[in-house]
Structure formats: C-alpha cells, structure tokens
PDB file of all heavy atoms in Angstrom:
ATOM      1  N   THR A   1     -14.721   4.541 -10.099  1.00  0.00           N
ATOM      2  CA  THR A   1     -16.040   5.076 -10.421  1.00  0.00           C
ATOM      3  C   THR A   1     -16.173   5.340 -11.916  1.00  0.00           C
ATOM      4  O   THR A   1     -17.178   4.976 -12.539  1.00  0.00           O
ATOM      5  CB  THR A   1     -16.303   6.368  -9.627  1.00  0.00           C
ATOM      6  OG1 THR A   1     -16.210   6.069  -8.230  1.00  0.00           O
ATOM      7  CG2 THR A   1     -17.667   6.941  -9.938  1.00  0.00           C
ATOM      8  N   TYR A   2     -15.164   5.959 -12.507  1.00  0.00           N
ATOM      9  CA  TYR A   2     -15.199   6.245 -13.942  1.00  0.00           C
ATOM     10  C   TYR A   2     -15.326   4.951 -14.751  1.00  0.00           C
ATOM     11  O   TYR A   2     -16.163   4.862 -15.659  1.00  0.00           O
ATOM     12  CB  TYR A   2     -13.946   7.007 -14.369  1.00  0.00           C
ATOM     13  CG  TYR A   2     -13.861   7.176 -15.860  1.00  0.00           C
ATOM     14  CD1 TYR A   2     -14.618   8.137 -16.510  1.00  0.00           C
ATOM     15  CD2 TYR A   2     -13.045   6.346 -16.629  1.00  0.00           C
ATOM     16  CE1 TYR A   2     -14.568   8.277 -17.889  1.00  0.00           C
ATOM     17  CE2 TYR A   2     -12.986   6.473 -17.998  1.00  0.00           C
ATOM     18  CZ  TYR A   2     -13.751   7.435 -18.624  1.00  0.00           C
ATOM     19  OH  TYR A   2     -13.701   7.563 -19.989  1.00  0.00           O
ATOM     20  N   LEU A   3     -14.504   3.959 -14.423  1.00  0.00           N
ATOM     21  CA  LEU A   3     -14.542   2.708 -15.179  1.00  0.00           C
ATOM     22  C   LEU A   3     -15.872   1.988 -15.007  1.00  0.00           C
ATOM     23  O   LEU A   3     -16.396   1.404 -15.962  1.00  0.00           O
ATOM     24  CB  LEU A   3     -13.372   1.808 -14.764  1.00  0.00           C
ATOM     25  CG  LEU A   3     -12.001   2.320 -15.191  1.00  0.00           C
ATOM     26  CD1 LEU A   3     -10.894   1.486 -14.548  1.00  0.00           C
ATOM     27  CD2 LEU A   3     -11.861   2.329 -16.704  1.00  0.00           C
ATOM     28  N   GLU A   4     -16.429   2.022 -13.818  1.00  0.00           N
ATOM     29  CA  GLU A   4     -17.740   1.402 -13.607  1.00  0.00           C
ATOM     30  C   GLU A   4     -18.814   2.120 -14.413  1.00  0.00           C
ATOM     31  O   GLU A   4     -19.716   1.467 -14.965  1.00  0.00           O
ATOM     32  CB  GLU A   4     -18.085   1.396 -12.118  1.00  0.00           C
ATOM     33  CG  GLU A   4     -17.276   0.393 -11.342  1.00  0.00           C
ATOM     34  CD  GLU A   4     -17.456   0.495  -9.841  1.00  0.00           C
ATOM     35  OE1 GLU A   4     -17.858   1.566  -9.334  1.00  0.00           O
ATOM     36  OE2 GLU A   4     -17.183  -0.511  -9.174  1.00  0.00           O
ATOM     37  N   LEU A   5     -18.729   3.438 -14.513  1.00  0.00           N
ATOM     38  CA  LEU A   5     -19.688   4.185 -15.333  1.00  0.00           C
ATOM     39  C   LEU A   5     -19.546   3.854 -16.814  1.00  0.00           C
ATOM     40  O   LEU A   5     -20.487   4.019 -17.590  1.00  0.00           O
ATOM     41  CB  LEU A   5     -19.524   5.692 -15.107  1.00  0.00           C
ATOM     42  CG  LEU A   5     -19.971   6.194 -13.735  1.00  0.00           C
ATOM     43  CD1 LEU A   5     -19.565   7.650 -13.536  1.00  0.00           C
ATOM     44  CD2 LEU A   5     -21.471   6.025 -13.558  1.00  0.00           C
ATOM     45  N   GLU A   6     -18.366   3.381 -17.213  1.00  0.00           N
ATOM     46  CA  GLU A   6     -18.132   2.951 -18.591  1.00  0.00           C
ATOM     47  C   GLU A   6     -18.438   1.457 -18.771  1.00  0.00           C
ATOM     48  O   GLU A   6     -18.061   0.846 -19.762  1.00  0.00           O
ATOM     49  CB  GLU A   6     -16.676   3.232 -18.979  1.00  0.00           C
ATOM     50  CG  GLU A   6     -16.335   4.705 -19.057  1.00  0.00           C
ATOM     51  CD  GLU A   6     -17.055   5.409 -20.191  1.00  0.00           C
ATOM     52  OE1 GLU A   6     -17.148   4.830 -21.292  1.00  0.00           O
ATOM     53  OE2 GLU A   6     -17.535   6.538 -19.975  1.00  0.00           O
ATOM     54  N   ASN A   7     -19.097   0.873 -17.772  1.00  0.00           N
ATOM     55  CA  ASN A   7     -19.552  -0.520 -17.781  1.00  0.00           C
ATOM     56  C   ASN A   7     -18.437  -1.554 -17.667  1.00  0.00           C
ATOM     57  O   ASN A   7     -18.584  -2.679 -18.143  1.00  0.00           O
ATOM     58  CB  ASN A   7     -20.440  -0.816 -18.997  1.00  0.00           C
ATOM     59  CG  ASN A   7     -21.746  -0.066 -18.916  1.00  0.00           C
ATOM     60  OD1 ASN A   7     -22.349   0.023 -17.852  1.00  0.00           O
ATOM     61  ND2 ASN A   7     -22.161   0.512 -20.024  1.00  0.00           N
ATOM     62  N   TYR A   8     -17.332  -1.173 -17.042  1.00  0.00           N
ATOM     63  CA  TYR A   8     -16.288  -2.154 -16.722  1.00  0.00           C
ATOM     64  C   TYR A   8     -16.588  -2.747 -15.356  1.00  0.00           C
ATOM     65  O   TYR A   8     -17.072  -2.063 -14.460  1.00  0.00           O
ATOM     66  CB  TYR A   8     -14.903  -1.500 -16.684  1.00  0.00           C
ATOM     67  CG  TYR A   8     -14.344  -1.174 -18.036  1.00  0.00           C
ATOM     68  CD1 TYR A   8     -14.497   0.094 -18.592  1.00  0.00           C
ATOM     69  CD2 TYR A   8     -13.649  -2.141 -18.762  1.00  0.00           C
ATOM     70  CE1 TYR A   8     -13.983   0.389 -19.840  1.00  0.00           C
ATOM     71  CE2 TYR A   8     -13.133  -1.849 -20.011  1.00  0.00           C
ATOM     72  CZ  TYR A   8     -13.302  -0.581 -20.541  1.00  0.00           C
ATOM     73  OH  TYR A   8     -12.790  -0.287 -21.776  1.00  0.00           O
ATOM     74  N   GLU A   9     -16.307  -4.027 -15.226  1.00  0.00           N
ATOM     75  CA  GLU A   9     -16.437  -4.692 -13.933  1.00  0.00           C
ATOM     76  C   GLU A   9     -15.071  -4.633 -13.251  1.00  0.00           C
ATOM     77  O   GLU A   9     -14.074  -5.086 -13.805  1.00  0.00           O
ATOM     78  CB  GLU A   9     -16.863  -6.147 -14.116  1.00  0.00           C
ATOM     79  CG  GLU A   9     -17.040  -6.883 -12.821  1.00  0.00           C
ATOM     80  CD  GLU A   9     -17.473  -8.321 -13.023  1.00  0.00           C
ATOM     81  OE1 GLU A   9     -17.699  -8.740 -14.174  1.00  0.00           O
ATOM     82  OE2 GLU A   9     -17.559  -9.039 -12.030  1.00  0.00           O
ATOM     83  N   ILE A  10     -15.018  -4.082 -12.056  1.00  0.00           N
ATOM     84  CA  ILE A  10     -13.778  -3.905 -11.325  1.00  0.00           C
ATOM     85  C   ILE A  10     -13.700  -4.949 -10.219  1.00  0.00           C
ATOM     86  O   ILE A  10     -14.640  -5.112  -9.434  1.00  0.00           O
ATOM     87  CB  ILE A  10     -13.700  -2.494 -10.692  1.00  0.00           C
ATOM     88  CG1 ILE A  10     -13.981  -1.402 -11.723  1.00  0.00           C
ATOM     89  CG2 ILE A  10     -12.369  -2.297  -9.987  1.00  0.00           C
ATOM     90  CD1 ILE A  10     -13.033  -1.395 -12.891  1.00  0.00           C
ATOM     91  N   LYS A  11     -12.582  -5.659 -10.173  1.00  0.00           N
ATOM     92  CA  LYS A  11     -12.361  -6.657  -9.132  1.00  0.00           C
ATOM     93  C   LYS A  11     -10.981  -6.455  -8.523  1.00  0.00           C
ATOM     94  O   LYS A  11     -10.052  -6.041  -9.214  1.00  0.00           O
ATOM     95  CB  LYS A  11     -12.422  -8.070  -9.714  1.00  0.00           C
ATOM     96  CG  LYS A  11     -13.757  -8.467 -10.282  1.00  0.00           C
ATOM     97  CD  LYS A  11     -13.691  -9.876 -10.819  1.00  0.00           C
ATOM     98  CE  LYS A  11     -14.999 -10.294 -11.451  1.00  0.00           C
ATOM     99  NZ  LYS A  11     -14.908 -11.652 -12.019  1.00  0.00           N
ATOM    100  N   THR A  12     -10.882  -6.768  -7.253  1.00  0.00           N
ATOM    101  CA  THR A  12      -9.591  -6.766  -6.582  1.00  0.00           C
ATOM    102  C   THR A  12      -8.941  -8.120  -6.804  1.00  0.00           C
ATOM    103  O   THR A  12      -9.607  -9.151  -6.757  1.00  0.00           O
ATOM    104  CB  THR A  12      -9.776  -6.507  -5.072  1.00  0.00           C
ATOM    105  OG1 THR A  12     -10.407  -5.236  -4.910  1.00  0.00           O
ATOM    106  CG2 THR A  12      -8.457  -6.508  -4.344  1.00  0.00           C
ATOM    107  N   LEU A  13      -7.641  -8.110  -7.052  1.00  0.00           N
ATOM    108  CA  LEU A  13      -6.922  -9.343  -7.338  1.00  0.00           C
ATOM    109  C   LEU A  13      -5.788  -9.526  -6.342  1.00  0.00           C
ATOM    110  O   LEU A  13      -4.945  -8.655  -6.196  1.00  0.00           O
ATOM    111  CB  LEU A  13      -6.354  -9.292  -8.765  1.00  0.00           C
ATOM    112  CG  LEU A  13      -5.493 -10.465  -9.210  1.00  0.00           C
ATOM    113  CD1 LEU A  13      -6.286 -11.762  -9.184  1.00  0.00           C
ATOM    114  CD2 LEU A  13      -4.940 -10.195 -10.598  1.00  0.00           C
ATOM    115  N   ASP A  14      -5.783 -10.658  -5.664  1.00  0.00           N
ATOM    116  CA  ASP A  14      -4.691 -11.028  -4.763  1.00  0.00           C
ATOM    117  C   ASP A  14      -3.847 -12.073  -5.494  1.00  0.00           C
ATOM    118  O   ASP A  14      -4.220 -13.244  -5.567  1.00  0.00           O
ATOM    119  CB  ASP A  14      -5.254 -11.591  -3.459  1.00  0.00           C
ATOM    120  CG  ASP A  14      -4.177 -12.023  -2.485  1.00  0.00           C
ATOM    121  OD1 ASP A  14      -2.974 -11.962  -2.823  1.00  0.00           O
ATOM    122  OD2 ASP A  14      -4.538 -12.442  -1.362  1.00  0.00           O
ATOM    123  N   LEU A  15      -2.723 -11.644  -6.052  1.00  0.00           N
ATOM    124  CA  LEU A  15      -1.897 -12.544  -6.853  1.00  0.00           C
ATOM    125  C   LEU A  15      -1.243 -13.646  -6.029  1.00  0.00           C
ATOM    126  O   LEU A  15      -0.913 -14.700  -6.562  1.00  0.00           O
ATOM    127  CB  LEU A  15      -0.828 -11.761  -7.614  1.00  0.00           C
ATOM    128  CG  LEU A  15      -1.338 -11.007  -8.826  1.00  0.00           C
ATOM    129  CD1 LEU A  15      -0.239 -10.129  -9.406  1.00  0.00           C
ATOM    130  CD2 LEU A  15      -1.855 -11.966  -9.880  1.00  0.00           C
ATOM    131  N   LEU A  16      -1.048 -13.423  -4.750  1.00  0.00           N
ATOM    132  CA  LEU A  16      -0.483 -14.490  -3.918  1.00  0.00           C
ATOM    133  C   LEU A  16      -1.450 -15.660  -3.809  1.00  0.00           C
ATOM    134  O   LEU A  16      -1.036 -16.814  -3.820  1.00  0.00           O
ATOM    135  CB  LEU A  16      -0.122 -13.963  -2.527  1.00  0.00           C
ATOM    136  CG  LEU A  16       1.123 -13.104  -2.453  1.00  0.00           C
ATOM    137  CD1 LEU A  16       1.336 -12.595  -1.030  1.00  0.00           C
ATOM    138  CD2 LEU A  16       2.346 -13.870  -2.920  1.00  0.00           C
ATOM    139  N   SER A  17      -2.739 -15.356  -3.728  1.00  0.00           N
ATOM    140  CA  SER A  17      -3.747 -16.417  -3.648  1.00  0.00           C
ATOM    141  C   SER A  17      -4.068 -16.992  -5.023  1.00  0.00           C
ATOM    142  O   SER A  17      -4.156 -18.199  -5.194  1.00  0.00           O
ATOM    143  CB  SER A  17      -5.031 -15.889  -3.016  1.00  0.00           C
ATOM    144  OG  SER A  17      -4.801 -15.456  -1.710  1.00  0.00           O
ATOM    145  N   ALA A  18      -4.247 -16.112  -5.992  1.00  0.00           N
ATOM    146  CA  ALA A  18      -4.670 -16.544  -7.325  1.00  0.00           C
ATOM    147  C   ALA A  18      -3.537 -17.195  -8.112  1.00  0.00           C
ATOM    148  O   ALA A  18      -3.783 -18.021  -8.983  1.00  0.00           O
ATOM    149  CB  ALA A  18      -5.219 -15.359  -8.110  1.00  0.00           C
ATOM    150  N   GLN A  19      -2.297 -16.793  -7.864  1.00  0.00           N
ATOM    151  CA  GLN A  19      -1.112 -17.301  -8.547  1.00  0.00           C
ATOM    152  C   GLN A  19      -0.954 -16.826  -9.985  1.00  0.00           C
ATOM    153  O   GLN A  19       0.078 -17.044 -10.587  1.00  0.00           O
ATOM    154  CB  GLN A  19      -1.062 -18.843  -8.511  1.00  0.00           C
ATOM    155  CG  GLN A  19      -1.054 -19.437  -7.123  1.00  0.00           C
ATOM    156  CD  GLN A  19       0.298 -19.329  -6.451  1.00  0.00           C
ATOM    157  OE1 GLN A  19       1.309 -19.585  -7.064  1.00  0.00           O
ATOM    158  NE2 GLN A  19       0.301 -18.943  -5.192  1.00  0.00           N
ATOM    159  N   ASN A  20      -1.999 -16.214 -10.561  1.00  0.00           N
ATOM    160  CA  ASN A  20      -1.886 -15.648 -11.904  1.00  0.00           C
ATOM    161  C   ASN A  20      -3.028 -14.671 -12.156  1.00  0.00           C
ATOM    162  O   ASN A  20      -3.991 -14.631 -11.417  1.00  0.00           O
ATOM    163  CB  ASN A  20      -1.856 -16.739 -12.985  1.00  0.00           C
ATOM    164  CG  ASN A  20      -3.080 -17.615 -12.974  1.00  0.00           C
ATOM    165  OD1 ASN A  20      -4.151 -17.192 -12.552  1.00  0.00           O
ATOM    166  ND2 ASN A  20      -2.948 -18.836 -13.433  1.00  0.00           N
ATOM    167  N   VAL A  21      -2.876 -13.899 -13.201  1.00  0.00           N
ATOM    168  CA  VAL A  21      -3.918 -12.963 -13.604  1.00  0.00           C
ATOM    169  C   VAL A  21      -4.947 -13.767 -14.405  1.00  0.00           C
ATOM    170  O   VAL A  21      -4.581 -14.504 -15.326  1.00  0.00           O
ATOM    171  CB  VAL A  21      -3.332 -11.811 -14.458  1.00  0.00           C
ATOM    172  CG1 VAL A  21      -4.431 -10.877 -14.920  1.00  0.00           C
ATOM    173  CG2 VAL A  21      -2.259 -11.059 -13.680  1.00  0.00           C
ATOM    174  N   PRO A  22      -6.235 -13.661 -14.064  1.00  0.00           N
ATOM    175  CA  PRO A  22      -7.261 -14.440 -14.781  1.00  0.00           C
ATOM    176  C   PRO A  22      -7.257 -14.160 -16.284  1.00  0.00           C
ATOM    177  O   PRO A  22      -6.959 -13.046 -16.725  1.00  0.00           O
ATOM    178  CB  PRO A  22      -8.571 -13.948 -14.145  1.00  0.00           C
ATOM    179  CG  PRO A  22      -8.180 -13.374 -12.829  1.00  0.00           C
ATOM    180  CD  PRO A  22      -6.799 -12.832 -13.007  1.00  0.00           C
ATOM    181  N   ASP A  23      -7.593 -15.169 -17.061  1.00  0.00           N
ATOM    182  CA  ASP A  23      -7.606 -15.055 -18.520  1.00  0.00           C
ATOM    183  C   ASP A  23      -8.599 -14.012 -19.022  1.00  0.00           C
ATOM    184  O   ASP A  23      -8.402 -13.427 -20.079  1.00  0.00           O
ATOM    185  CB  ASP A  23      -7.927 -16.403 -19.165  1.00  0.00           C
ATOM    186  CG  ASP A  23      -6.781 -17.403 -19.006  1.00  0.00           C
ATOM    187  OD1 ASP A  23      -5.623 -16.965 -18.829  1.00  0.00           O
ATOM    188  OD2 ASP A  23      -7.051 -18.616 -19.054  1.00  0.00           O
ATOM    189  N   ASP A  24      -9.666 -13.763 -18.268  1.00  0.00           N
ATOM    190  CA  ASP A  24     -10.675 -12.801 -18.720  1.00  0.00           C
ATOM    191  C   ASP A  24     -10.374 -11.368 -18.277  1.00  0.00           C
ATOM    192  O   ASP A  24     -11.187 -10.474 -18.490  1.00  0.00           O
ATOM    193  CB  ASP A  24     -12.068 -13.219 -18.260  1.00  0.00           C
ATOM    194  CG  ASP A  24     -12.227 -13.200 -16.737  1.00  0.00           C
ATOM    195  OD1 ASP A  24     -11.208 -13.104 -16.016  1.00  0.00           O
ATOM    196  OD2 ASP A  24     -13.375 -13.295 -16.271  1.00  0.00           O
ATOM    197  N   CYS A  25      -9.196 -11.140 -17.724  1.00  0.00           N
ATOM    198  CA  CYS A  25      -8.809  -9.793 -17.285  1.00  0.00           C
ATOM    199  C   CYS A  25      -8.494  -8.936 -18.509  1.00  0.00           C
ATOM    200  O   CYS A  25      -7.612  -9.251 -19.291  1.00  0.00           O
ATOM    201  CB  CYS A  25      -7.588  -9.865 -16.368  1.00  0.00           C
ATOM    202  SG  CYS A  25      -7.026  -8.263 -15.795  1.00  0.00           S
ATOM    203  N   GLU A  26      -9.245  -7.836 -18.677  1.00  0.00           N
ATOM    204  CA  GLU A  26      -9.031  -6.938 -19.814  1.00  0.00           C
ATOM    205  C   GLU A  26      -7.990  -5.874 -19.530  1.00  0.00           C
ATOM    206  O   GLU A  26      -7.446  -5.269 -20.442  1.00  0.00           O
ATOM    207  CB  GLU A  26     -10.351  -6.288 -20.208  1.00  0.00           C
ATOM    208  CG  GLU A  26     -11.346  -7.283 -20.768  1.00  0.00           C
ATOM    209  CD  GLU A  26     -12.622  -6.602 -21.229  1.00  0.00           C
ATOM    210  OE1 GLU A  26     -12.567  -5.435 -21.640  1.00  0.00           O
ATOM    211  OE2 GLU A  26     -13.669  -7.255 -21.170  1.00  0.00           O
ATOM    212  N   GLY A  27      -7.723  -5.627 -18.269  1.00  0.00           N
ATOM    213  CA  GLY A  27      -6.731  -4.630 -17.900  1.00  0.00           C
ATOM    214  C   GLY A  27      -6.391  -4.753 -16.427  1.00  0.00           C
ATOM    215  O   GLY A  27      -7.271  -4.949 -15.599  1.00  0.00           O
ATOM    216  N   LEU A  28      -5.129  -4.648 -16.131  1.00  0.00           N
ATOM    217  CA  LEU A  28      -4.644  -4.755 -14.762  1.00  0.00           C
ATOM    218  C   LEU A  28      -4.172  -3.375 -14.313  1.00  0.00           C
ATOM    219  O   LEU A  28      -3.344  -2.753 -14.980  1.00  0.00           O
ATOM    220  CB  LEU A  28      -3.496  -5.763 -14.708  1.00  0.00           C
ATOM    221  CG  LEU A  28      -2.887  -6.069 -13.354  1.00  0.00           C
ATOM    222  CD1 LEU A  28      -3.909  -6.725 -12.437  1.00  0.00           C
ATOM    223  CD2 LEU A  28      -1.681  -6.980 -13.526  1.00  0.00           C
ATOM    224  N   ILE A  29      -4.730  -2.894 -13.212  1.00  0.00           N
ATOM    225  CA  ILE A  29      -4.322  -1.607 -12.662  1.00  0.00           C
ATOM    226  C   ILE A  29      -3.532  -1.861 -11.391  1.00  0.00           C
ATOM    227  O   ILE A  29      -4.013  -2.521 -10.482  1.00  0.00           O
ATOM    228  CB  ILE A  29      -5.541  -0.712 -12.350  1.00  0.00           C
ATOM    229  CG1 ILE A  29      -6.345  -0.450 -13.616  1.00  0.00           C
ATOM    230  CG2 ILE A  29      -5.079   0.597 -11.699  1.00  0.00           C
ATOM    231  CD1 ILE A  29      -7.652   0.282 -13.371  1.00  0.00           C
ATOM    232  N   ILE A  30      -2.323  -1.352 -11.371  1.00  0.00           N
ATOM    233  CA  ILE A  30      -1.483  -1.435 -10.179  1.00  0.00           C
ATOM    234  C   ILE A  30      -1.310  -0.005  -9.690  1.00  0.00           C
ATOM    235  O   ILE A  30      -0.745   0.832 -10.389  1.00  0.00           O
ATOM    236  CB  ILE A  30      -0.124  -2.079 -10.491  1.00  0.00           C
ATOM    237  CG1 ILE A  30      -0.340  -3.487 -11.040  1.00  0.00           C
ATOM    238  CG2 ILE A  30       0.765  -2.091  -9.251  1.00  0.00           C
ATOM    239  CD1 ILE A  30       0.912  -4.147 -11.561  1.00  0.00           C
ATOM    240  N   ALA A  31      -1.822   0.266  -8.497  1.00  0.00           N
ATOM    241  CA  ALA A  31      -1.838   1.641  -7.998  1.00  0.00           C
ATOM    242  C   ALA A  31      -0.973   1.784  -6.749  1.00  0.00           C
ATOM    243  O   ALA A  31      -1.299   1.252  -5.699  1.00  0.00           O
ATOM    244  CB  ALA A  31      -3.262   2.065  -7.689  1.00  0.00           C
ATOM    245  N   SER A  32       0.125   2.476  -6.906  1.00  0.00           N
ATOM    246  CA  SER A  32       1.026   2.826  -5.807  1.00  0.00           C
ATOM    247  C   SER A  32       1.280   1.672  -4.838  1.00  0.00           C
ATOM    248  O   SER A  32       0.853   1.712  -3.685  1.00  0.00           O
ATOM    249  CB  SER A  32       0.484   4.030  -5.037  1.00  0.00           C
ATOM    250  OG  SER A  32       0.438   5.149  -5.864  1.00  0.00           O
ATOM    251  N   PRO A  33       1.968   0.638  -5.303  1.00  0.00           N
ATOM    252  CA  PRO A  33       2.249  -0.482  -4.403  1.00  0.00           C
ATOM    253  C   PRO A  33       3.014   0.006  -3.171  1.00  0.00           C
ATOM    254  O   PRO A  33       3.890   0.858  -3.269  1.00  0.00           O
ATOM    255  CB  PRO A  33       3.094  -1.436  -5.235  1.00  0.00           C
ATOM    256  CG  PRO A  33       3.327  -0.791  -6.541  1.00  0.00           C
ATOM    257  CD  PRO A  33       2.566   0.471  -6.607  1.00  0.00           C
ATOM    258  N   LYS A  34       2.672  -0.562  -2.030  1.00  0.00           N
ATOM    259  CA  LYS A  34       3.276  -0.142  -0.762  1.00  0.00           C
ATOM    260  C   LYS A  34       4.538  -0.925  -0.430  1.00  0.00           C
ATOM    261  O   LYS A  34       5.327  -0.515   0.409  1.00  0.00           O
ATOM    262  CB  LYS A  34       2.269  -0.316   0.377  1.00  0.00           C
ATOM    263  CG  LYS A  34       0.975   0.425   0.167  1.00  0.00           C
ATOM    264  CD  LYS A  34       1.114   1.893   0.493  1.00  0.00           C
ATOM    265  CE  LYS A  34      -0.202   2.603   0.466  1.00  0.00           C
ATOM    266  NZ  LYS A  34      -0.485   3.358  -0.725  1.00  0.00           N
ATOM    267  N   LYS A  35       4.710  -2.103  -1.062  1.00  0.00           N
ATOM    268  CA  LYS A  35       5.891  -2.928  -0.797  1.00  0.00           C
ATOM    269  C   LYS A  35       6.293  -3.643  -2.081  1.00  0.00           C
ATOM    270  O   LYS A  35       5.534  -3.666  -3.050  1.00  0.00           O
ATOM    271  CB  LYS A  35       5.620  -3.922   0.324  1.00  0.00           C
ATOM    272  CG  LYS A  35       4.460  -4.846   0.073  1.00  0.00           C
ATOM    273  CD  LYS A  35       4.158  -5.720   1.267  1.00  0.00           C
ATOM    274  CE  LYS A  35       2.946  -6.581   0.955  1.00  0.00           C
ATOM    275  NZ  LYS A  35       2.582  -7.467   2.009  1.00  0.00           N
ATOM    276  N   ASP A  36       7.475  -4.198  -2.081  1.00  0.00           N
ATOM    277  CA  ASP A  36       7.967  -4.908  -3.258  1.00  0.00           C
ATOM    278  C   ASP A  36       7.103  -6.137  -3.541  1.00  0.00           C
ATOM    279  O   ASP A  36       6.539  -6.748  -2.620  1.00  0.00           O
ATOM    280  CB  ASP A  36       9.413  -5.356  -3.044  1.00  0.00           C
ATOM    281  CG  ASP A  36      10.382  -4.191  -2.977  1.00  0.00           C
ATOM    282  OD1 ASP A  36      10.027  -3.095  -3.447  1.00  0.00           O
ATOM    283  OD2 ASP A  36      11.488  -4.386  -2.445  1.00  0.00           O
ATOM    284  N   PHE A  37       7.018  -6.499  -4.815  1.00  0.00           N
ATOM    285  CA  PHE A  37       6.286  -7.696  -5.197  1.00  0.00           C
ATOM    286  C   PHE A  37       7.088  -8.947  -4.844  1.00  0.00           C
ATOM    287  O   PHE A  37       8.320  -8.938  -4.926  1.00  0.00           O
ATOM    288  CB  PHE A  37       6.000  -7.706  -6.710  1.00  0.00           C
ATOM    289  CG  PHE A  37       5.064  -6.631  -7.148  1.00  0.00           C
ATOM    290  CD1 PHE A  37       5.499  -5.578  -7.931  1.00  0.00           C
ATOM    291  CD2 PHE A  37       3.729  -6.662  -6.775  1.00  0.00           C
ATOM    292  CE1 PHE A  37       4.632  -4.581  -8.338  1.00  0.00           C
ATOM    293  CE2 PHE A  37       2.852  -5.677  -7.170  1.00  0.00           C
ATOM    294  CZ  PHE A  37       3.302  -4.631  -7.959  1.00  0.00           C
TER     295      PHE A  37
END
C-alpha cells in the first residue's frame, strides 16, 4: 500500500516461470520465503 501510494507499480513475480527478473524491475522484495529457493 505504501509503495503504491508513492506511485510504484507492484507486481508478483514467479521466477520459476519467468526464469529471470525483468529488466525493468526497480526493486525486488522477498518477504519471508516459506521454502528454499
């Protein structure tokens, strides 16, 4: 909510499907992973 109010676009990223972090990603947030990568 805070980031959206600061005009950031928030997207969920599935790295298994995408295979990489998109080039236009300004910041990656990893929040309490439940299992090993």
